[in-house]
Amino acid sequence: MIRTAVVILNWNGRKFLEQFLPGVVKNTLSIDTSVIVADNGSEDDSVKWVTENQPEVQVIRLGRNYGYAGGYNMALSQVEAEYYILLNSDVEVEPAWAEKLVTYMDMHPNVGACQPKIRSYTSRDSFEYAGAAGGYIDRLGYPFCRGRIFDTVESDHGQYDDVCEIFWASGSCIIVRGAAFDQCDGFDESFFVHMEEIDLCWRMQNAGYMISYFPHSVVWHVGGGTLNYGSPSKIYYNFRNSLVMLAKNLPVKHLRRTIFARQVLDGLAAVMLLFTEGRAAAAAVVKAHRDFRRQRTAIRTFRTITPNPGIFHTPHTTMNKYLLYEYYIRKRKTFSELGWI
């Protein structure tokens, strides 16, 4: 067993590997840390580039595109490590970034997963959309971050520099305790991409682990490297996977009314997307709901075999308010304006 494995899942991402992998290697490699590229059946020459230009990096070839969830599950099944750091290929890291995260995890054995501060690569002093300063959900399961609510992204001026408990850590850069990952059976491969890390963090909390944000390690994320923001595919996976995650993990007393409310609100969102983004975007929402209904049997099976003590509406990690109302009606656009912690 190695101590720490930094695993980068790649799919046709040579340009990002060329740009960012040398910095990851320079700022990460040590006696007890390995850098690994897991290739999801790329059709470009990214694997050849890695083997020729970064020979110290191990390559795992997966044969075809299994998505984020399936790709990481298959890759990590071939790696035995105390900690896994899952890193997107479009992320720039600072010196000692991984060492800081590992030290924090060593000092907090009850933490199952943790994320660093994630800033935008293209706007260096701003938080990044996908992770920012740690993730939360509201009472309807809408995810948001300290530093980013919907499309409002804050500049980083130290307002979220405290180490704290969060509900979910961003999959763009997340350190996961290997034992916790195995105990919770890894990612749900039916998600393919998007929100699988929120689902995993939820299940980790149900298993008794905490999820943390550690701002003293900083990375910079390009974002949208695999699926562009606003693409029909991204819309589809976000809407479908959000419903699946809620249906799997919500306590029974919240289940029906929350799913019903989300279905109504998603219908309104589809109408708005029709007029703002076009028919393909609206159709993606309709398809998401259709495929969610097709997964009901698998979801019911999951709920019968998985202990669910009902981690929801806890005061530190889930907001017992409606985010849509706070953001669009009360015009509270930043995390600090929500005023719930």
Protein backbone atom coordinates (compact mmCIF):
# COMPACT_ATOMS: atom_id res chain seq x y z
CA MET A 1 0.00 0.00 0.00
CA ILE A 2 1.20 3.50 -0.84
CA ARG A 3 0.34 6.39 1.44
CA THR A 4 -1.27 8.75 -1.08
CA ALA A 5 -2.33 8.30 -4.68
CA VAL A 6 -3.10 11.39 -6.76
CA VAL A 7 -5.35 10.02 -9.50
CA ILE A 8 -6.21 12.09 -12.57
CA LEU A 9 -9.03 10.75 -14.73
CA ASN A 10 -8.40 11.61 -18.37
CA TRP A 11 -10.60 11.52 -21.45
CA ASN A 12 -9.20 13.08 -24.62
CA GLY A 13 -7.47 15.67 -22.47
CA ARG A 14 -3.95 15.94 -23.85
CA LYS A 15 -4.04 19.75 -23.87
CA PHE A 16 -4.81 19.84 -20.15
CA LEU A 17 -2.26 17.14 -19.33
CA GLU A 18 0.41 19.06 -21.20
CA GLN A 19 -0.54 22.25 -19.40
CA PHE A 20 -1.05 21.01 -15.84
CA LEU A 21 0.45 17.54 -15.29
CA PRO A 22 4.09 18.73 -15.09
CA GLY A 23 3.11 21.11 -12.28
CA VAL A 24 1.25 18.34 -10.45
CA VAL A 25 4.30 16.09 -10.69
CA LYS A 26 6.68 18.86 -9.58
CA ASN A 27 4.57 19.87 -6.60
CA THR A 28 3.43 16.42 -5.50
CA LEU A 29 5.82 13.52 -6.00
CA SER A 30 7.47 12.18 -2.87
CA ILE A 31 8.53 8.80 -1.52
CA ASP A 32 5.03 7.97 -0.26
CA THR A 33 2.95 9.66 -3.00
CA SER A 34 2.24 8.46 -6.52
CA VAL A 35 0.73 10.37 -9.42
CA ILE A 36 -1.49 8.24 -11.64
CA VAL A 37 -3.34 9.03 -14.86
CA ALA A 38 -6.37 6.80 -15.39
CA ASP A 39 -7.38 6.97 -19.04
CA ASN A 40 -11.07 6.58 -19.85
CA GLY A 41 -10.59 5.18 -23.37
CA SER A 42 -9.23 8.37 -24.92
CA GLU A 43 -9.16 8.63 -28.71
CA ASP A 44 -6.44 11.25 -28.79
CA ASP A 45 -2.76 10.62 -28.06
CA SER A 46 -2.85 11.75 -24.44
CA VAL A 47 -1.64 8.40 -23.07
CA LYS A 48 1.29 8.37 -25.48
CA TRP A 49 2.19 11.91 -24.43
CA VAL A 50 2.17 10.95 -20.74
CA THR A 51 4.35 7.87 -21.22
CA GLU A 52 6.86 9.78 -23.34
CA ASN A 53 7.01 13.02 -21.36
CA GLN A 54 6.13 12.06 -17.76
CA PRO A 55 7.60 8.54 -17.31
CA GLU A 56 7.35 8.81 -13.51
CA VAL A 57 3.55 8.91 -13.82
CA GLN A 58 1.75 5.58 -13.73
CA VAL A 59 -0.91 5.07 -16.42
CA ILE A 60 -4.01 2.90 -15.97
CA ARG A 61 -5.82 2.18 -19.24
CA LEU A 62 -9.55 1.59 -18.83
CA GLY A 63 -10.44 0.75 -22.43
CA ARG A 64 -13.53 2.93 -22.86
CA ASN A 65 -15.24 5.94 -21.32
CA TYR A 66 -16.84 4.87 -18.04
CA GLY A 67 -17.58 8.42 -16.95
CA TYR A 68 -16.29 10.05 -13.77
CA ALA A 69 -17.97 7.59 -11.41
CA GLY A 70 -17.19 4.35 -13.22
CA GLY A 71 -13.75 5.49 -14.31
CA TYR A 72 -12.63 6.31 -10.81
CA ASN A 73 -14.17 3.15 -9.36
CA MET A 74 -12.27 1.00 -11.86
CA ALA A 75 -9.03 2.94 -11.43
CA LEU A 76 -9.08 2.92 -7.62
CA SER A 77 -9.81 -0.80 -7.58
CA GLN A 78 -6.30 -1.16 -9.04
CA VAL A 79 -4.65 1.17 -6.52
CA GLU A 80 -4.15 0.46 -2.83
CA ALA A 81 -3.58 3.66 -0.86
CA GLU A 82 -4.46 5.16 2.50
CA TYR A 83 -5.65 8.34 0.76
CA TYR A 84 -6.90 9.00 -2.74
CA ILE A 85 -6.69 12.52 -4.11
CA LEU A 86 -9.02 12.73 -7.11
CA LEU A 87 -7.90 15.60 -9.33
CA ASN A 88 -9.38 16.91 -12.56
CA SER A 89 -6.91 17.20 -15.43
CA ASP A 90 -7.62 20.96 -15.76
CA VAL A 91 -6.38 21.92 -12.29
CA GLU A 92 -3.25 23.87 -11.36
CA VAL A 93 -1.80 23.14 -7.93
CA GLU A 94 0.50 25.02 -5.57
CA PRO A 95 3.60 23.62 -3.82
CA ALA A 96 2.78 21.27 -0.91
CA TRP A 97 -0.93 21.31 -1.78
CA ALA A 98 -1.29 17.54 -1.33
CA GLU A 99 0.90 17.36 1.77
CA LYS A 100 -1.33 19.92 3.50
CA LEU A 101 -4.47 17.92 2.74
CA VAL A 102 -2.90 14.66 3.92
CA THR A 103 -1.69 16.27 7.15
CA TYR A 104 -5.20 17.55 7.85
CA MET A 105 -6.71 14.11 7.22
CA ASP A 106 -4.12 12.51 9.52
CA MET A 107 -5.13 14.88 12.30
CA HIS A 108 -8.87 14.24 11.81
CA PRO A 109 -9.54 10.50 11.50
CA ASN A 110 -13.32 11.08 11.54
CA VAL A 111 -13.16 13.00 8.23
CA GLY A 112 -14.02 10.86 5.21
CA ALA A 113 -13.37 13.48 2.51
CA CYS A 114 -12.02 16.99 2.26
CA GLN A 115 -11.53 19.65 -0.40
CA PRO A 116 -9.08 22.55 -0.68
CA LYS A 117 -9.98 26.10 -1.61
CA ILE A 118 -10.78 26.05 -5.33
CA ARG A 119 -10.23 29.25 -7.27
CA SER A 120 -10.87 29.99 -10.93
CA TYR A 121 -7.91 29.50 -13.25
CA THR A 122 -9.11 32.20 -15.64
CA SER A 123 -10.03 34.70 -12.89
CA ARG A 124 -7.36 34.02 -10.31
CA ASP A 125 -8.83 35.98 -7.42
CA SER A 126 -12.34 34.53 -7.80
CA PHE A 127 -13.74 31.26 -6.53
CA GLU A 128 -14.41 28.53 -9.06
CA TYR A 129 -17.96 27.56 -9.94
CA ALA A 130 -17.77 23.82 -9.29
CA GLY A 131 -16.32 23.81 -5.78
CA ALA A 132 -15.36 27.23 -4.41
CA ALA A 133 -15.02 27.07 -0.60
CA GLY A 134 -17.04 23.94 0.07
CA GLY A 135 -20.50 22.65 -0.75
CA TYR A 136 -23.89 22.61 1.00
CA ILE A 137 -27.48 21.82 0.08
CA ASP A 138 -30.80 23.51 0.92
CA ARG A 139 -33.99 21.86 2.15
CA LEU A 140 -34.93 20.84 -1.41
CA GLY A 141 -31.50 19.41 -2.13
CA TYR A 142 -30.20 22.23 -4.33
CA PRO A 143 -26.40 22.32 -4.06
CA PHE A 144 -24.49 25.57 -3.52
CA CYS A 145 -21.10 26.65 -2.26
CA ARG A 146 -19.50 29.16 -0.03
CA GLY A 147 -18.34 31.56 -2.71
CA ARG A 148 -20.85 30.48 -5.39
CA ILE A 149 -24.64 30.42 -5.44
CA PHE A 150 -26.18 29.53 -8.79
CA ASP A 151 -24.41 31.83 -11.29
CA THR A 152 -23.11 34.33 -8.73
CA VAL A 153 -19.41 33.71 -8.06
CA GLU A 154 -17.61 35.76 -5.41
CA SER A 155 -14.09 37.14 -5.38
CA ASP A 156 -11.88 35.62 -2.73
CA HIS A 157 -10.76 38.19 -0.18
CA GLY A 158 -10.32 35.78 2.73
CA GLN A 159 -13.95 35.66 3.81
CA TYR A 160 -13.97 31.85 3.76
CA ASP A 161 -10.56 31.06 5.17
CA ASP A 162 -11.82 29.04 8.13
CA VAL A 163 -11.55 25.27 8.28
CA CYS A 164 -15.09 23.95 8.59
CA GLU A 165 -17.50 21.07 8.16
CA ILE A 166 -19.36 21.03 4.85
CA PHE A 167 -21.98 18.78 3.24
CA TRP A 168 -20.07 17.92 0.06
CA ALA A 169 -16.60 18.31 -1.35
CA SER A 170 -16.00 19.05 -5.02
CA GLY A 171 -14.98 16.19 -7.29
CA SER A 172 -12.64 18.52 -9.17
CA CYS A 173 -10.20 18.16 -6.26
CA ILE A 174 -11.08 15.94 -3.33
CA ILE A 175 -9.05 13.85 -0.91
CA VAL A 176 -10.86 10.71 0.18
CA ARG A 177 -9.93 8.32 2.96
CA GLY A 178 -9.46 4.95 1.27
CA ALA A 179 -11.20 3.00 4.04
CA ALA A 180 -14.24 5.30 3.89
CA PHE A 181 -14.41 5.07 0.10
CA ASP A 182 -14.39 1.27 0.27
CA GLN A 183 -16.85 1.14 3.15
CA CYS A 184 -19.33 3.25 1.17
CA ASP A 185 -18.82 1.21 -2.05
CA GLY A 186 -17.31 4.11 -3.97
CA PHE A 187 -19.19 6.18 -6.51
CA ASP A 188 -22.60 5.26 -7.86
CA GLU A 189 -21.77 4.40 -11.48
CA SER A 190 -25.32 5.10 -12.65
CA PHE A 191 -24.52 8.82 -12.24
CA PHE A 192 -21.81 8.61 -14.96
CA VAL A 193 -20.86 12.28 -14.44
CA HIS A 194 -22.02 15.11 -12.15
CA MET A 195 -23.18 15.02 -8.52
CA GLU A 196 -21.65 11.61 -7.84
CA GLU A 197 -19.35 13.28 -5.31
CA ILE A 198 -22.34 14.82 -3.48
CA ASP A 199 -24.00 11.41 -3.35
CA LEU A 200 -20.79 9.85 -2.00
CA CYS A 201 -20.36 12.55 0.63
CA TRP A 202 -23.99 12.09 1.72
CA ARG A 203 -23.47 8.35 2.11
CA MET A 204 -20.22 8.94 3.99
CA GLN A 205 -22.07 11.12 6.48
CA ASN A 206 -24.73 8.42 6.86
CA ALA A 207 -21.85 6.07 7.69
CA GLY A 208 -20.60 8.41 10.42
CA TYR A 209 -17.86 10.39 8.66
CA MET A 210 -17.51 14.16 8.40
CA ILE A 211 -16.80 16.14 5.21
CA SER A 212 -14.42 19.09 5.53
CA TYR A 213 -13.11 22.18 3.79
CA PHE A 214 -9.42 23.05 4.25
CA PRO A 215 -8.59 26.49 2.79
CA HIS A 216 -4.86 26.39 3.47
CA SER A 217 -4.39 24.23 0.39
CA VAL A 218 -5.30 26.11 -2.80
CA VAL A 219 -5.83 24.95 -6.38
CA TRP A 220 -7.00 26.69 -9.56
CA HIS A 221 -9.59 24.98 -11.78
CA VAL A 222 -10.40 25.77 -15.43
CA GLY A 223 -13.82 24.09 -15.33
CA GLY A 224 -16.03 22.78 -18.12
CA GLY A 225 -13.17 20.75 -19.56
CA THR A 226 -15.25 17.67 -20.40
CA LEU A 227 -18.78 19.06 -20.75
CA ASN A 228 -19.27 22.76 -21.37
CA TYR A 229 -21.43 24.63 -18.88
CA GLY A 230 -24.93 24.91 -20.29
CA SER A 231 -24.60 22.03 -22.75
CA PRO A 232 -27.69 19.77 -23.07
CA SER A 233 -25.66 16.80 -21.80
CA LYS A 234 -24.60 18.67 -18.68
CA ILE A 235 -28.17 19.85 -18.09
CA TYR A 236 -29.42 16.27 -18.45
CA TYR A 237 -26.97 14.77 -15.98
CA ASN A 238 -27.41 17.55 -13.44
CA PHE A 239 -31.21 17.26 -13.40
CA ARG A 240 -31.37 13.46 -13.50
CA ASN A 241 -28.61 12.87 -10.98
CA SER A 242 -30.02 15.42 -8.56
CA LEU A 243 -33.31 13.51 -8.45
CA VAL A 244 -31.55 10.15 -8.12
CA MET A 245 -29.39 11.44 -5.27
CA LEU A 246 -32.40 12.74 -3.35
CA ALA A 247 -34.43 9.58 -3.95
CA LYS A 248 -31.56 7.45 -2.65
CA ASN A 249 -30.59 9.41 0.43
CA LEU A 250 -33.49 11.46 1.77
CA PRO A 251 -35.03 10.32 5.05
CA VAL A 252 -38.47 8.79 4.52
CA LYS A 253 -40.33 11.71 6.11
CA HIS A 254 -38.86 14.15 3.57
CA LEU A 255 -38.85 11.90 0.52
CA ARG A 256 -42.19 12.30 -1.28
CA ARG A 257 -42.80 15.99 -0.76
CA THR A 258 -39.23 16.92 -1.69
CA ILE A 259 -39.26 14.87 -4.90
CA PHE A 260 -42.67 16.30 -5.83
CA ALA A 261 -41.48 19.87 -5.23
CA ARG A 262 -38.37 19.30 -7.32
CA GLN A 263 -40.41 17.83 -10.16
CA VAL A 264 -42.65 20.91 -10.22
CA LEU A 265 -39.69 23.29 -10.09
CA ASP A 266 -37.83 21.33 -12.76
CA GLY A 267 -40.87 21.68 -15.02
CA LEU A 268 -40.70 25.45 -14.58
CA ALA A 269 -36.97 25.33 -15.25
CA ALA A 270 -37.60 23.44 -18.50
CA VAL A 271 -39.98 26.18 -19.66
CA MET A 272 -37.40 28.86 -18.86
CA LEU A 273 -34.67 26.92 -20.66
CA LEU A 274 -36.90 26.59 -23.71
CA PHE A 275 -37.03 30.37 -24.07
CA THR A 276 -33.47 31.12 -22.99
CA GLU A 277 -31.37 28.20 -24.27
CA GLY A 278 -33.59 26.50 -26.85
CA ARG A 279 -35.39 23.23 -27.40
CA ALA A 280 -32.38 20.97 -26.82
CA ALA A 281 -31.85 22.32 -23.30
CA ALA A 282 -35.54 21.96 -22.38
CA ALA A 283 -35.64 18.46 -23.87
CA ALA A 284 -32.68 17.50 -21.69
CA VAL A 285 -34.78 18.19 -18.57
CA VAL A 286 -37.67 16.11 -19.91
CA LYS A 287 -35.31 13.24 -20.71
CA ALA A 288 -33.76 13.51 -17.25
CA HIS A 289 -37.14 13.00 -15.59
CA ARG A 290 -38.01 10.14 -17.91
CA ASP A 291 -34.80 8.30 -17.09
CA PHE A 292 -35.19 9.04 -13.37
CA ARG A 293 -38.54 7.24 -13.40
CA ARG A 294 -36.87 4.29 -15.12
CA GLN A 295 -34.37 4.04 -12.24
CA ARG A 296 -37.02 3.84 -9.52
CA THR A 297 -36.65 0.06 -9.05
CA ALA A 298 -32.89 0.32 -8.56
CA ILE A 299 -33.36 3.22 -6.14
CA ARG A 300 -35.90 1.29 -4.05
CA THR A 301 -33.49 -1.65 -3.91
CA PHE A 302 -30.69 0.64 -2.74
CA ARG A 303 -32.86 2.06 0.05
CA THR A 304 -33.81 -1.40 1.33
CA ILE A 305 -30.23 -2.66 1.64
CA THR A 306 -28.50 0.55 2.78
CA PRO A 307 -28.76 1.91 6.33
CA ASN A 308 -30.11 5.46 6.25
CA PRO A 309 -30.12 7.21 9.61
CA GLY A 310 -31.46 10.37 7.98
CA ILE A 311 -28.60 12.85 7.63
CA PHE A 312 -30.60 15.86 6.50
CA HIS A 313 -31.40 19.32 7.78
CA THR A 314 -28.42 19.38 10.10
CA PRO A 315 -27.62 22.95 11.15
CA HIS A 316 -23.99 23.01 10.05
CA THR A 317 -24.17 21.53 6.57
CA THR A 318 -27.73 21.76 5.22
CA MET A 319 -29.69 24.99 5.03
CA ASN A 320 -33.26 24.73 6.28
CA LYS A 321 -34.37 27.39 3.82
CA TYR A 322 -35.36 27.47 0.17
CA LEU A 323 -32.38 28.61 -1.89
CA LEU A 324 -34.49 29.62 -4.90
CA TYR A 325 -36.58 31.92 -2.72
CA GLU A 326 -33.56 33.41 -0.95
CA TYR A 327 -31.70 34.02 -4.22
CA TYR A 328 -34.42 35.18 -6.63
CA ILE A 329 -37.02 36.75 -4.32
CA ARG A 330 -35.01 38.06 -1.37
CA LYS A 331 -32.01 38.83 -3.65
CA ARG A 332 -29.48 37.20 -1.33
CA LYS A 333 -26.73 36.42 -3.80
CA THR A 334 -23.80 35.45 -1.59
CA PHE A 335 -23.30 32.80 1.05
CA SER A 336 -22.79 35.30 3.87
CA GLU A 337 -26.07 37.05 2.97
CA LEU A 338 -28.01 33.82 3.51
CA GLY A 339 -27.31 34.14 7.23
CA TRP A 340 -28.08 30.60 8.30
CA ILE A 341 -24.86 29.52 10.05
